[in-house]
């Protein structure tokens, strides 16, 4: 199944794991778009 719409993604946390996930989404701009990031620490 192929859908031309991108998945909108929110990342919770801003540490090491979030960096890895954000980079993965950056590498596939046709499939996913990071629209929000939330972190409990400033």
N, C-alpha and C. Protein backbone atom coordinates (compact mmCIF):
# COMPACT_ATOMS: atom_id res chain seq x y z
N UNK A 1 0.84 -1.18 0.00
CA UNK A 1 0.00 0.00 0.00
C UNK A 1 0.89 1.24 0.00
N UNK A 2 0.64 2.14 -0.92
CA UNK A 2 1.43 3.36 -1.02
C UNK A 2 0.51 4.57 -0.89
N UNK A 3 0.87 5.45 0.01
CA UNK A 3 0.10 6.67 0.22
C UNK A 3 1.05 7.84 0.01
N UNK A 4 0.66 8.81 -0.79
CA UNK A 4 1.55 9.93 -1.08
C UNK A 4 1.63 10.96 0.05
N UNK A 5 0.73 10.87 1.03
CA UNK A 5 0.75 11.83 2.14
C UNK A 5 1.85 11.48 3.13
N UNK A 6 2.51 12.51 3.64
CA UNK A 6 3.56 12.29 4.65
C UNK A 6 2.94 12.07 6.02
N UNK A 7 3.60 11.26 6.81
CA UNK A 7 3.21 11.05 8.19
C UNK A 7 3.75 12.21 9.01
N UNK A 8 2.93 12.80 9.83
CA UNK A 8 3.38 13.88 10.72
C UNK A 8 3.79 13.25 12.04
N UNK A 9 4.99 13.61 12.50
CA UNK A 9 5.60 12.96 13.65
C UNK A 9 5.85 13.98 14.75
N UNK A 10 5.61 13.57 15.99
CA UNK A 10 5.98 14.35 17.16
C UNK A 10 7.00 13.55 17.96
N UNK A 11 8.05 14.19 18.40
CA UNK A 11 9.10 13.53 19.18
C UNK A 11 8.99 14.02 20.62
N UNK A 12 8.89 13.07 21.54
CA UNK A 12 8.85 13.41 22.97
C UNK A 12 10.22 13.13 23.55
N UNK A 13 10.83 14.16 24.11
CA UNK A 13 12.20 14.06 24.61
C UNK A 13 13.14 14.73 23.63
N UNK A 14 14.29 15.16 24.13
CA UNK A 14 15.23 15.84 23.24
C UNK A 14 16.66 15.37 23.48
N UNK A 15 16.80 14.18 24.00
CA UNK A 15 18.13 13.64 24.27
C UNK A 15 18.69 12.86 23.09
N UNK A 16 19.63 11.99 23.39
CA UNK A 16 20.35 11.22 22.38
C UNK A 16 19.42 10.43 21.47
N UNK A 17 18.47 9.72 22.04
CA UNK A 17 17.53 8.91 21.25
C UNK A 17 16.72 9.80 20.30
N UNK A 18 16.29 10.95 20.77
CA UNK A 18 15.52 11.86 19.92
C UNK A 18 16.36 12.33 18.74
N UNK A 19 17.64 12.57 18.96
CA UNK A 19 18.53 12.98 17.87
C UNK A 19 18.60 11.90 16.79
N UNK A 20 18.69 10.66 17.21
CA UNK A 20 18.75 9.54 16.26
C UNK A 20 17.45 9.46 15.46
N UNK A 21 16.31 9.57 16.14
CA UNK A 21 15.04 9.51 15.44
C UNK A 21 14.87 10.70 14.49
N UNK A 22 15.22 11.89 14.94
CA UNK A 22 15.09 13.08 14.10
C UNK A 22 15.93 12.94 12.83
N UNK A 23 17.13 12.42 12.96
CA UNK A 23 17.99 12.22 11.79
C UNK A 23 17.36 11.21 10.83
N UNK A 24 16.77 10.16 11.37
CA UNK A 24 16.10 9.16 10.52
C UNK A 24 14.97 9.80 9.73
N UNK A 25 14.16 10.62 10.38
CA UNK A 25 13.06 11.29 9.69
C UNK A 25 13.58 12.29 8.67
N UNK A 26 14.71 12.94 8.96
CA UNK A 26 15.30 13.90 8.02
C UNK A 26 15.72 13.20 6.73
N UNK A 27 16.14 11.96 6.84
CA UNK A 27 16.60 11.21 5.67
C UNK A 27 15.47 10.72 4.77
N UNK A 28 14.24 10.82 5.22
CA UNK A 28 13.10 10.40 4.39
C UNK A 28 12.01 11.47 4.35
N UNK A 29 12.31 12.63 3.76
CA UNK A 29 11.36 13.74 3.78
C UNK A 29 10.06 13.49 3.01
N UNK A 30 10.06 12.55 2.07
CA UNK A 30 8.83 12.25 1.34
C UNK A 30 7.85 11.43 2.19
N UNK A 31 8.35 10.73 3.21
CA UNK A 31 7.49 9.87 4.02
C UNK A 31 7.09 10.46 5.36
N UNK A 32 7.96 11.28 5.97
CA UNK A 32 7.67 11.75 7.33
C UNK A 32 8.11 13.20 7.51
N UNK A 33 7.37 13.90 8.37
CA UNK A 33 7.69 15.29 8.69
C UNK A 33 7.58 15.47 10.20
N UNK A 34 8.65 15.92 10.82
CA UNK A 34 8.62 16.20 12.26
C UNK A 34 7.92 17.55 12.43
N UNK A 35 6.81 17.53 13.15
CA UNK A 35 6.02 18.76 13.32
C UNK A 35 6.07 19.29 14.75
N UNK A 36 6.56 18.47 15.69
CA UNK A 36 6.62 18.92 17.08
C UNK A 36 7.68 18.14 17.84
N UNK A 37 8.30 18.83 18.79
CA UNK A 37 9.24 18.20 19.72
C UNK A 37 8.90 18.73 21.11
N UNK A 38 8.78 17.83 22.07
CA UNK A 38 8.47 18.23 23.45
C UNK A 38 9.52 17.65 24.37
N UNK A 39 9.94 18.45 25.34
CA UNK A 39 10.94 18.01 26.30
C UNK A 39 10.57 18.52 27.69
N UNK A 40 10.74 17.68 28.70
CA UNK A 40 10.45 18.13 30.06
C UNK A 40 11.52 19.06 30.62
N UNK A 41 12.68 19.11 29.97
CA UNK A 41 13.76 19.99 30.43
C UNK A 41 13.92 21.15 29.45
N UNK A 42 14.21 22.34 29.96
CA UNK A 42 14.38 23.50 29.07
C UNK A 42 15.64 23.43 28.24
